[in-house]
Protein backbone atom coordinates (compact mmCIF):
# COMPACT_ATOMS: atom_id res chain seq x y z
CA MET A 1 95.86 112.97 103.27
CA GLY A 2 94.94 109.31 102.69
CA ALA A 3 91.69 110.44 101.09
CA VAL A 4 93.57 112.65 98.63
CA PHE A 5 96.48 110.35 97.78
CA THR A 6 94.63 107.05 97.57
CA SER A 7 96.89 105.56 94.90
CA SER A 8 100.21 106.75 96.32
CA THR A 9 102.78 104.26 97.58
CA LEU A 10 105.83 104.47 99.77
CA GLY A 11 109.07 105.56 98.15
CA ARG A 12 111.54 102.91 97.05
CA ALA A 13 113.93 103.73 99.87
CA ARG A 14 111.28 102.99 102.48
CA LEU A 15 110.10 99.82 100.78
CA SER A 16 113.62 98.44 100.72
CA ARG A 17 113.73 98.63 104.51
CA ILE A 18 110.58 96.56 104.94
CA SER A 19 111.49 92.90 105.24
CA THR A 20 109.50 90.68 102.93
CA PRO A 21 109.40 86.91 103.09
CA ARG A 22 111.58 85.23 100.48
CA ARG A 23 109.72 83.44 97.75
CA PRO A 24 110.80 79.87 97.08
CA THR A 25 112.81 79.61 93.88
CA ARG A 26 111.95 77.19 91.15
CA SER A 27 115.50 77.09 89.89
CA PRO A 28 117.48 74.00 90.79
CA GLY A 29 120.57 74.23 92.98
CA ARG A 30 122.25 77.38 94.19
CA VAL A 31 121.17 80.56 92.45
CA ARG A 32 123.61 83.01 94.04
CA PRO A 33 125.68 83.47 90.85
CA LEU A 34 122.54 84.15 88.80
CA PRO A 35 122.07 87.83 89.82
CA ARG A 36 125.78 88.46 89.38
CA ILE A 37 125.66 87.06 85.85
CA VAL A 38 122.55 89.10 84.93
CA ARG A 39 124.16 92.30 86.28
CA THR A 40 126.83 92.03 83.58
CA ILE A 41 124.12 93.07 81.10
CA PHE A 42 123.67 96.41 82.86
CA ALA A 43 127.40 97.00 83.18
CA GLN A 44 127.77 97.41 79.41
CA PRO A 45 128.55 100.91 78.10
CA ASP A 46 125.80 101.15 75.45
CA HIS A 47 122.56 99.58 74.22
CA ALA A 48 124.11 97.45 71.47
CA SER A 49 126.70 95.85 73.74
CA ALA A 50 124.02 95.32 76.43
CA LEU A 51 121.91 93.43 73.86
CA ALA A 52 124.90 91.31 72.86
CA GLN A 53 125.66 90.54 76.51
CA ARG A 54 121.99 89.68 77.11
CA ARG A 55 122.20 87.11 74.29
CA LYS A 56 125.34 85.58 75.81
CA VAL A 57 123.80 85.46 79.29
CA ALA A 58 120.53 83.94 78.04
CA ASP A 59 122.41 81.32 76.01
CA GLY A 60 124.52 80.46 79.07
CA LEU A 61 121.48 80.21 81.35
CA ARG A 62 119.32 78.18 78.98
CA PRO A 63 120.72 74.68 79.78
CA ARG A 64 120.36 75.01 83.56
CA PHE A 65 117.72 77.74 83.98
CA PRO A 66 115.44 77.64 80.90
CA ARG A 67 112.64 79.68 82.51
CA ALA A 68 115.05 82.42 83.60
CA ALA A 69 116.51 82.56 80.08
CA ALA A 70 113.02 82.80 78.55
CA LEU A 71 112.05 85.55 80.99
CA LEU A 72 115.22 87.46 80.20
CA GLU A 73 114.55 87.24 76.47
CA ASP A 74 110.91 88.29 76.82
CA ALA A 75 111.77 91.29 79.01
CA THR A 76 114.77 92.54 77.02
CA GLU A 77 113.25 95.79 75.78
CA ASP A 78 111.68 96.54 79.15
CA ILE A 79 114.87 96.11 81.15
CA LEU A 80 117.01 97.99 78.63
CA ALA A 81 114.54 100.79 77.81
CA TYR A 82 116.59 103.31 79.81
CA ARG A 83 119.52 102.78 77.43
CA HIS A 84 117.73 104.85 74.78
CA LEU A 85 117.97 107.94 77.01
CA PRO A 86 120.98 110.29 77.12
CA LEU A 87 123.75 109.23 79.52
CA GLU A 88 123.01 112.10 81.95
CA HIS A 89 119.45 110.80 82.41
CA GLN A 90 120.56 107.19 82.76
CA ARG A 91 122.67 108.14 85.79
CA GLN A 92 119.69 109.82 87.45
CA LEU A 93 117.54 106.73 87.06
CA HIS A 94 119.80 104.70 89.34
CA SER A 95 119.30 107.00 92.31
CA THR A 96 116.32 107.58 94.57
CA ASN A 97 117.86 110.83 95.84
CA PRO A 98 115.53 113.11 93.83
CA LEU A 99 112.50 111.22 95.13
CA GLU A 100 113.75 111.36 98.71
CA ARG A 101 114.50 115.07 98.38
CA LEU A 102 110.97 115.72 97.07
CA ASN A 103 109.39 113.74 99.91
CA LYS A 104 111.50 115.64 102.44
CA GLU A 105 110.44 118.98 100.95
CA ILE A 106 106.75 117.99 101.02
CA LYS A 107 107.09 116.93 104.66
CA ARG A 108 108.85 120.17 105.57
CA ARG A 109 106.20 122.33 103.89
CA SER A 110 103.30 120.37 105.38
CA ASN A 111 104.83 120.75 108.87
CA VAL A 112 105.00 124.51 108.35
CA VAL A 113 101.35 124.70 107.31
CA GLY A 114 100.15 122.32 110.02
CA ILE A 115 96.45 121.93 109.20
CA PHE A 116 95.07 122.02 105.67
CA PRO A 117 91.66 123.64 105.20
CA ASN A 118 90.65 121.39 102.30
CA PRO A 119 92.01 118.70 99.93
CA ALA A 120 92.74 121.32 97.25
CA ALA A 121 95.26 122.96 99.59
CA VAL A 122 97.16 119.68 99.93
CA ILE A 123 97.22 119.22 96.17
CA ARG A 124 98.50 122.78 95.68
CA LEU A 125 101.26 122.23 98.24
CA VAL A 126 102.44 118.98 96.65
CA GLY A 127 102.18 120.47 93.16
CA ASP A 128 104.24 123.48 94.21
CA SER A 129 106.83 121.22 95.88
CA ALA A 130 107.14 119.04 92.79
CA GLY A 131 107.38 122.08 90.52
CA ALA A 132 110.05 123.70 92.67
CA GLY A 133 112.33 120.68 92.26
CA ARG A 134 112.67 121.15 88.52
């Protein structure tokens, strides 16, 4: 299967279990409150209030963490892009359950088949599994 899915990666749930070394921070002092402050942007009910909160957070971070404030300003549209979607879709984006369910279904079906005669059979199985989840 590695020959067929050369660009595939592990699901987010599996990657979160792999311990990665912490990168040294370039921010001075303790940075524990920083993620908590940034999360207030995502806790806003709509796009306009999230933008307003982002401005407040960036202005508050600028004196002590100028690089973090600049990064936050540069990435505003990227980190808030999901806010343009309907609320039902926004809720789905926060969960990896659909991805985990799809991976489980692919595993179940591949265990039933056992041995695949050719790469096209693997692609058909995964395509059918992904289409069945809709």
